[in-house]
């Protein structure tokens, strides 16, 4: 790890990372639900898929937000968040590798979103380990 990376991680608080994770999840949920037909067309899925994923993300984002809102985030809930973020990444790889599961744009979108989610997992783990 470079000095710049270590300094950045030291400046980040676990609460801020959890809040960012929750905001990303909640904003994604609203977009998927509000524009489910456009989302489904872009992703190459049935119309119900963005709605189902959006509802799941609303619940997930709320869970993460409630933990971030604590004065000191709960370690167990933070580990669950890390595990959930990692599970998203593994699931995304499995979906992308399945033939004809998504459009090309959907595969790219899921890949980019998964990289962001995995970044949250890494930063949460690093700040939890540090703290």
N, C-alpha and C. Protein backbone atom coordinates (compact mmCIF):
# COMPACT_ATOMS: atom_id res chain seq x y z
N UNK A 1 0.85 -1.17 0.00
CA UNK A 1 0.00 0.00 0.00
C UNK A 1 0.89 1.24 0.00
N UNK A 2 0.58 2.19 -0.84
CA UNK A 2 1.39 3.40 -0.93
C UNK A 2 1.08 4.33 0.23
N UNK A 3 1.93 5.30 0.45
CA UNK A 3 1.74 6.27 1.52
C UNK A 3 0.46 7.07 1.27
N UNK A 4 0.22 7.47 0.02
CA UNK A 4 -0.98 8.24 -0.30
C UNK A 4 -2.24 7.45 0.03
N UNK A 5 -2.27 6.16 -0.30
CA UNK A 5 -3.43 5.32 -0.01
C UNK A 5 -3.63 5.20 1.49
N UNK A 6 -2.57 4.98 2.23
CA UNK A 6 -2.66 4.85 3.68
C UNK A 6 -3.17 6.14 4.31
N UNK A 7 -2.71 7.28 3.83
CA UNK A 7 -3.17 8.57 4.36
C UNK A 7 -4.64 8.79 4.05
N UNK A 8 -5.07 8.42 2.86
CA UNK A 8 -6.48 8.56 2.49
C UNK A 8 -7.35 7.72 3.40
N UNK A 9 -6.95 6.48 3.63
CA UNK A 9 -7.73 5.59 4.49
C UNK A 9 -7.79 6.13 5.90
N UNK A 10 -6.70 6.70 6.40
CA UNK A 10 -6.70 7.26 7.75
C UNK A 10 -7.67 8.43 7.87
N UNK A 11 -7.85 9.20 6.80
CA UNK A 11 -8.76 10.34 6.83
C UNK A 11 -10.22 9.92 6.76
N UNK A 12 -10.46 8.74 6.22
CA UNK A 12 -11.83 8.28 6.08
C UNK A 12 -12.32 7.68 7.39
N UNK A 13 -13.52 8.00 7.74
CA UNK A 13 -14.10 7.35 8.91
C UNK A 13 -15.04 6.25 8.44
N UNK A 14 -15.20 5.26 9.27
CA UNK A 14 -16.09 4.15 8.95
C UNK A 14 -17.50 4.66 8.71
N UNK A 15 -17.95 5.59 9.51
CA UNK A 15 -19.31 6.15 9.34
C UNK A 15 -19.46 6.78 7.97
N UNK A 16 -18.47 7.55 7.52
CA UNK A 16 -18.57 8.20 6.21
C UNK A 16 -18.64 7.18 5.08
N UNK A 17 -17.85 6.12 5.19
CA UNK A 17 -17.86 5.09 4.15
C UNK A 17 -19.21 4.38 4.14
N UNK A 18 -19.73 4.06 5.33
CA UNK A 18 -21.04 3.42 5.41
C UNK A 18 -22.14 4.34 4.86
N UNK A 19 -22.07 5.63 5.19
CA UNK A 19 -23.05 6.57 4.64
C UNK A 19 -22.97 6.62 3.12
N UNK A 20 -21.77 6.64 2.58
CA UNK A 20 -21.60 6.66 1.11
C UNK A 20 -22.16 5.38 0.49
N UNK A 21 -21.91 4.25 1.13
CA UNK A 21 -22.42 2.97 0.66
C UNK A 21 -23.94 2.98 0.67
N UNK A 22 -24.52 3.46 1.77
CA UNK A 22 -25.98 3.52 1.87
C UNK A 22 -26.57 4.44 0.82
N UNK A 23 -25.95 5.60 0.63
CA UNK A 23 -26.45 6.55 -0.36
C UNK A 23 -26.39 5.95 -1.76
N UNK A 24 -25.30 5.28 -2.08
CA UNK A 24 -25.16 4.65 -3.39
C UNK A 24 -26.26 3.61 -3.60
N UNK A 25 -26.52 2.80 -2.57
CA UNK A 25 -27.55 1.78 -2.66
C UNK A 25 -28.94 2.39 -2.81
N UNK A 26 -29.23 3.40 -1.99
CA UNK A 26 -30.56 4.01 -2.01
C UNK A 26 -30.82 4.78 -3.30
N UNK A 27 -29.84 5.51 -3.78
CA UNK A 27 -30.00 6.24 -5.05
C UNK A 27 -30.17 5.25 -6.20
N UNK A 28 -29.39 4.18 -6.20
CA UNK A 28 -29.53 3.15 -7.24
C UNK A 28 -30.92 2.53 -7.19
N UNK A 29 -31.42 2.28 -5.99
CA UNK A 29 -32.76 1.70 -5.83
C UNK A 29 -33.83 2.60 -6.42
N UNK A 30 -33.76 3.88 -6.11
CA UNK A 30 -34.75 4.83 -6.61
C UNK A 30 -34.72 4.89 -8.14
N UNK A 31 -33.53 4.92 -8.70
CA UNK A 31 -33.40 4.97 -10.17
C UNK A 31 -33.98 3.70 -10.80
N UNK A 32 -33.62 2.55 -10.26
CA UNK A 32 -34.11 1.28 -10.82
C UNK A 32 -35.63 1.18 -10.76
N UNK A 33 -36.20 1.61 -9.63
CA UNK A 33 -37.66 1.51 -9.47
C UNK A 33 -38.38 2.57 -10.31
N UNK A 34 -37.89 3.80 -10.26
CA UNK A 34 -38.55 4.89 -10.97
C UNK A 34 -38.48 4.72 -12.49
N UNK A 35 -37.40 4.16 -12.97
CA UNK A 35 -37.21 3.99 -14.41
C UNK A 35 -37.08 2.51 -14.75
N UNK A 36 -37.97 1.69 -14.20
CA UNK A 36 -37.80 0.24 -14.34
C UNK A 36 -37.88 -0.23 -15.79
N UNK A 37 -38.74 0.38 -16.59
CA UNK A 37 -38.84 -0.06 -17.99
C UNK A 37 -37.57 0.28 -18.77
N UNK A 38 -37.10 1.50 -18.60
CA UNK A 38 -35.85 1.90 -19.27
C UNK A 38 -34.67 1.09 -18.76
N UNK A 39 -34.65 0.87 -17.45
CA UNK A 39 -33.56 0.08 -16.86
C UNK A 39 -33.57 -1.34 -17.41
N UNK A 40 -34.76 -1.94 -17.47
CA UNK A 40 -34.88 -3.32 -17.98
C UNK A 40 -34.44 -3.39 -19.44
N UNK A 41 -34.85 -2.40 -20.23
CA UNK A 41 -34.46 -2.40 -21.65
C UNK A 41 -32.94 -2.27 -21.79
N UNK A 42 -32.34 -1.39 -21.01
CA UNK A 42 -30.89 -1.21 -21.08
C UNK A 42 -30.15 -2.46 -20.61
N UNK A 43 -30.61 -3.03 -19.50
CA UNK A 43 -29.94 -4.20 -18.94
C UNK A 43 -30.21 -5.48 -19.72
N UNK A 44 -31.30 -5.49 -20.47
CA UNK A 44 -31.67 -6.70 -21.20
C UNK A 44 -32.38 -7.72 -20.33
N UNK A 45 -33.22 -7.23 -19.41
CA UNK A 45 -33.94 -8.11 -18.49
C UNK A 45 -35.45 -7.89 -18.60
N UNK A 46 -36.20 -8.70 -17.90
CA UNK A 46 -37.64 -8.50 -17.78
C UNK A 46 -37.89 -7.27 -16.91
N UNK A 47 -39.07 -6.66 -17.08
CA UNK A 47 -39.40 -5.44 -16.34
C UNK A 47 -39.35 -5.61 -14.81
N UNK A 48 -39.67 -6.80 -14.32
CA UNK A 48 -39.72 -7.00 -12.88
C UNK A 48 -38.33 -7.03 -12.23
N UNK A 49 -37.30 -7.30 -12.99
CA UNK A 49 -35.95 -7.44 -12.42
C UNK A 49 -35.47 -6.13 -11.77
N UNK A 50 -35.53 -4.98 -12.47
CA UNK A 50 -35.09 -3.74 -11.80
C UNK A 50 -35.93 -3.39 -10.57
N UNK A 51 -37.21 -3.73 -10.60
CA UNK A 51 -38.06 -3.47 -9.44
C UNK A 51 -37.60 -4.34 -8.26
N UNK A 52 -37.40 -5.63 -8.51
CA UNK A 52 -36.96 -6.54 -7.44
C UNK A 52 -35.60 -6.12 -6.87
N UNK A 53 -34.67 -5.81 -7.76
CA UNK A 53 -33.34 -5.39 -7.30
C UNK A 53 -33.46 -4.06 -6.56
N UNK A 54 -34.30 -3.15 -7.06
CA UNK A 54 -34.50 -1.86 -6.40
C UNK A 54 -35.06 -2.01 -5.00
N UNK A 55 -36.05 -2.87 -4.82
CA UNK A 55 -36.63 -3.09 -3.49
C UNK A 55 -35.58 -3.69 -2.55
N UNK A 56 -34.81 -4.66 -3.05
CA UNK A 56 -33.74 -5.25 -2.23
C UNK A 56 -32.72 -4.19 -1.84
N UNK A 57 -32.37 -3.31 -2.79
CA UNK A 57 -31.41 -2.25 -2.49
C UNK A 57 -31.97 -1.23 -1.50
N UNK A 58 -33.28 -0.98 -1.55
CA UNK A 58 -33.90 -0.09 -0.54
C UNK A 58 -33.72 -0.67 0.86
N UNK A 59 -33.99 -1.97 1.00
CA UNK A 59 -33.82 -2.62 2.31
C UNK A 59 -32.36 -2.63 2.73
N UNK A 60 -31.48 -2.98 1.79
CA UNK A 60 -30.04 -3.03 2.08
C UNK A 60 -29.52 -1.64 2.47
N UNK A 61 -29.86 -0.64 1.67
CA UNK A 61 -29.40 0.72 1.94
C UNK A 61 -29.89 1.24 3.28
N UNK A 62 -31.11 0.88 3.64
CA UNK A 62 -31.64 1.29 4.94
C UNK A 62 -30.86 0.63 6.08
N UNK A 63 -30.58 -0.65 5.94
CA UNK A 63 -29.77 -1.37 6.95
C UNK A 63 -28.41 -0.70 7.13
N UNK A 64 -27.73 -0.41 6.02
CA UNK A 64 -26.40 0.20 6.09
C UNK A 64 -26.50 1.61 6.66
N UNK A 65 -27.52 2.36 6.24
CA UNK A 65 -27.72 3.73 6.73
C UNK A 65 -27.94 3.75 8.25
N UNK A 66 -28.76 2.84 8.75
CA UNK A 66 -29.03 2.80 10.19
C UNK A 66 -27.76 2.49 10.98
N UNK A 67 -26.91 1.61 10.45
CA UNK A 67 -25.64 1.33 11.11
C UNK A 67 -24.72 2.55 11.07
N UNK A 68 -24.68 3.22 9.93
CA UNK A 68 -23.83 4.41 9.79
C UNK A 68 -24.30 5.54 10.70
N UNK A 69 -25.59 5.58 11.00
CA UNK A 69 -26.14 6.65 11.83
C UNK A 69 -25.83 6.52 13.31
N UNK A 70 -25.33 5.38 13.71
CA UNK A 70 -24.93 5.21 15.11
C UNK A 70 -23.67 6.03 15.39
N UNK A 71 -23.55 6.46 16.63
CA UNK A 71 -22.34 7.20 17.01
C UNK A 71 -21.11 6.35 16.74
N UNK A 72 -21.20 5.08 17.05
CA UNK A 72 -20.14 4.11 16.76
C UNK A 72 -20.80 2.95 16.03
N UNK A 73 -20.53 2.79 14.73
CA UNK A 73 -21.18 1.69 14.00
C UNK A 73 -20.92 0.34 14.65
N UNK A 74 -21.94 -0.49 14.62
CA UNK A 74 -21.87 -1.84 15.18
C UNK A 74 -20.92 -2.69 14.34
N UNK A 75 -19.95 -3.31 14.98
CA UNK A 75 -18.94 -4.09 14.25
C UNK A 75 -19.57 -5.27 13.52
N UNK A 76 -20.48 -5.97 14.17
CA UNK A 76 -21.12 -7.12 13.53
C UNK A 76 -21.89 -6.69 12.29
N UNK A 77 -22.66 -5.60 12.41
CA UNK A 77 -23.41 -5.09 11.25
C UNK A 77 -22.47 -4.61 10.15
N UNK A 78 -21.32 -4.07 10.54
CA UNK A 78 -20.34 -3.65 9.54
C UNK A 78 -19.75 -4.86 8.83
N UNK A 79 -19.46 -5.92 9.58
CA UNK A 79 -18.97 -7.15 8.94
C UNK A 79 -20.03 -7.74 8.02
N UNK A 80 -21.30 -7.66 8.42
CA UNK A 80 -22.39 -8.12 7.55
C UNK A 80 -22.44 -7.28 6.27
N UNK A 81 -22.19 -5.98 6.41
CA UNK A 81 -22.17 -5.10 5.24
C UNK A 81 -21.03 -5.48 4.31
N UNK A 82 -19.87 -5.74 4.87
CA UNK A 82 -18.72 -6.16 4.06
C UNK A 82 -19.04 -7.47 3.35
N UNK A 83 -19.61 -8.42 4.07
CA UNK A 83 -19.97 -9.71 3.48
C UNK A 83 -21.01 -9.54 2.37
N UNK A 84 -21.99 -8.67 2.61
CA UNK A 84 -23.00 -8.41 1.59
C UNK A 84 -22.42 -7.77 0.35
N UNK A 85 -21.50 -6.83 0.53
CA UNK A 85 -20.85 -6.19 -0.61
C UNK A 85 -20.02 -7.20 -1.41
N UNK A 86 -19.33 -8.08 -0.70
CA UNK A 86 -18.55 -9.12 -1.38
C UNK A 86 -19.47 -10.10 -2.10
N UNK A 87 -20.60 -10.44 -1.48
CA UNK A 87 -21.57 -11.34 -2.12
C UNK A 87 -22.13 -10.70 -3.39
N UNK A 88 -22.36 -9.38 -3.37
CA UNK A 88 -22.81 -8.68 -4.58
C UNK A 88 -21.77 -8.87 -5.69
N UNK A 89 -20.50 -8.69 -5.35
CA UNK A 89 -19.44 -8.83 -6.35
C UNK A 89 -19.38 -10.23 -6.94
N UNK A 90 -19.47 -11.24 -6.09
CA UNK A 90 -19.44 -12.64 -6.55
C UNK A 90 -20.67 -12.92 -7.42
N UNK A 91 -21.84 -12.46 -6.95
CA UNK A 91 -23.06 -12.66 -7.73
C UNK A 91 -23.00 -11.97 -9.08
N UNK A 92 -22.43 -10.78 -9.11
CA UNK A 92 -22.31 -10.04 -10.37
C UNK A 92 -21.43 -10.79 -11.36
N UNK A 93 -20.32 -11.33 -10.88
CA UNK A 93 -19.44 -12.10 -11.76
C UNK A 93 -20.20 -13.31 -12.32
N UNK A 94 -20.95 -13.99 -11.46
CA UNK A 94 -21.71 -15.16 -11.91
C UNK A 94 -22.73 -14.76 -12.97
N UNK A 95 -23.42 -13.65 -12.78
CA UNK A 95 -24.42 -13.20 -13.76
C UNK A 95 -23.75 -12.81 -15.06
N UNK A 96 -22.65 -12.09 -14.97
CA UNK A 96 -21.95 -11.65 -16.18
C UNK A 96 -21.44 -12.87 -16.97
N UNK A 97 -21.02 -13.91 -16.28
CA UNK A 97 -20.49 -15.10 -16.95
C UNK A 97 -21.57 -15.99 -17.55
N UNK A 98 -22.82 -15.81 -17.12
CA UNK A 98 -23.91 -16.61 -17.68
C UNK A 98 -24.25 -16.08 -19.08
N UNK A 99 -24.27 -16.95 -20.07
CA UNK A 99 -24.55 -16.48 -21.43
C UNK A 99 -25.95 -15.90 -21.55
N UNK A 100 -26.04 -14.78 -22.23
CA UNK A 100 -27.32 -14.13 -22.55
C UNK A 100 -28.14 -13.72 -21.33
N UNK A 101 -27.50 -13.52 -20.19
CA UNK A 101 -28.25 -13.08 -19.01
C UNK A 101 -28.50 -11.58 -19.02
N UNK A 102 -27.62 -10.82 -19.64
CA UNK A 102 -27.74 -9.36 -19.73
C UNK A 102 -27.32 -8.91 -21.12
N UNK A 103 -27.72 -7.70 -21.46
CA UNK A 103 -27.20 -7.09 -22.68
C UNK A 103 -25.73 -6.72 -22.46
N UNK A 104 -25.04 -6.35 -23.51
CA UNK A 104 -23.65 -5.91 -23.36
C UNK A 104 -23.57 -4.70 -22.45
N UNK A 105 -24.49 -3.75 -22.63
CA UNK A 105 -24.53 -2.58 -21.75
C UNK A 105 -24.82 -2.96 -20.31
N UNK A 106 -25.70 -3.94 -20.13
CA UNK A 106 -26.01 -4.42 -18.78
C UNK A 106 -24.82 -5.06 -18.11
N UNK A 107 -24.05 -5.82 -18.89
CA UNK A 107 -22.84 -6.43 -18.33
C UNK A 107 -21.85 -5.37 -17.90
N UNK A 108 -21.66 -4.36 -18.74
CA UNK A 108 -20.74 -3.27 -18.39
C UNK A 108 -21.23 -2.52 -17.16
N UNK A 109 -22.52 -2.20 -17.14
CA UNK A 109 -23.08 -1.45 -16.00
C UNK A 109 -22.92 -2.24 -14.71
N UNK A 110 -23.27 -3.52 -14.75
CA UNK A 110 -23.13 -4.36 -13.55
C UNK A 110 -21.67 -4.46 -13.13
N UNK A 111 -20.77 -4.56 -14.09
CA UNK A 111 -19.35 -4.63 -13.77
C UNK A 111 -18.85 -3.36 -13.09
N UNK A 112 -19.23 -2.21 -13.62
CA UNK A 112 -18.79 -0.93 -13.04
C UNK A 112 -19.38 -0.74 -11.64
N UNK A 113 -20.68 -1.03 -11.51
CA UNK A 113 -21.32 -0.90 -10.19
C UNK A 113 -20.65 -1.85 -9.20
N UNK A 114 -20.34 -3.05 -9.64
CA UNK A 114 -19.71 -4.03 -8.74
C UNK A 114 -18.33 -3.59 -8.30
N UNK A 115 -17.59 -2.94 -9.16
CA UNK A 115 -16.29 -2.40 -8.74
C UNK A 115 -16.46 -1.36 -7.64
N UNK A 116 -17.47 -0.50 -7.76
CA UNK A 116 -17.74 0.49 -6.72
C UNK A 116 -18.12 -0.19 -5.41
N UNK A 117 -18.98 -1.21 -5.50
CA UNK A 117 -19.42 -1.93 -4.30
C UNK A 117 -18.23 -2.63 -3.65
N UNK A 118 -17.36 -3.23 -4.45
CA UNK A 118 -16.18 -3.88 -3.88
C UNK A 118 -15.23 -2.86 -3.26
N UNK A 119 -15.16 -1.66 -3.83
CA UNK A 119 -14.37 -0.59 -3.20
C UNK A 119 -14.92 -0.27 -1.82
N UNK A 120 -16.24 -0.18 -1.69
CA UNK A 120 -16.84 0.05 -0.37
C UNK A 120 -16.42 -1.05 0.59
N UNK A 121 -16.47 -2.30 0.15
CA UNK A 121 -16.10 -3.42 1.02
C UNK A 121 -14.65 -3.29 1.49
N UNK A 122 -13.76 -2.96 0.57
CA UNK A 122 -12.34 -2.83 0.92
C UNK A 122 -12.13 -1.68 1.91
N UNK A 123 -12.70 -0.52 1.63
CA UNK A 123 -12.52 0.62 2.54
C UNK A 123 -13.16 0.37 3.90
N UNK A 124 -14.31 -0.28 3.93
CA UNK A 124 -14.94 -0.62 5.22
C UNK A 124 -14.05 -1.57 6.00
N UNK A 125 -13.52 -2.58 5.32
CA UNK A 125 -12.64 -3.54 5.99
C UNK A 125 -11.38 -2.85 6.51
N UNK A 126 -10.77 -1.99 5.70
CA UNK A 126 -9.54 -1.32 6.12
C UNK A 126 -9.78 -0.40 7.32
N UNK A 127 -10.89 0.34 7.31
CA UNK A 127 -11.14 1.24 8.44
C UNK A 127 -11.56 0.44 9.66
N UNK A 128 -12.26 -0.65 9.50
CA UNK A 128 -12.65 -1.50 10.64
C UNK A 128 -11.41 -2.14 11.25
N UNK A 129 -10.52 -2.60 10.40
CA UNK A 129 -9.27 -3.21 10.86
C UNK A 129 -8.40 -2.20 11.60
N UNK A 130 -8.39 -0.98 11.07
CA UNK A 130 -7.58 0.09 11.67
C UNK A 130 -8.12 0.50 13.04
N UNK A 131 -9.46 0.51 13.14
CA UNK A 131 -10.11 1.08 14.31
C UNK A 131 -10.19 0.17 15.47
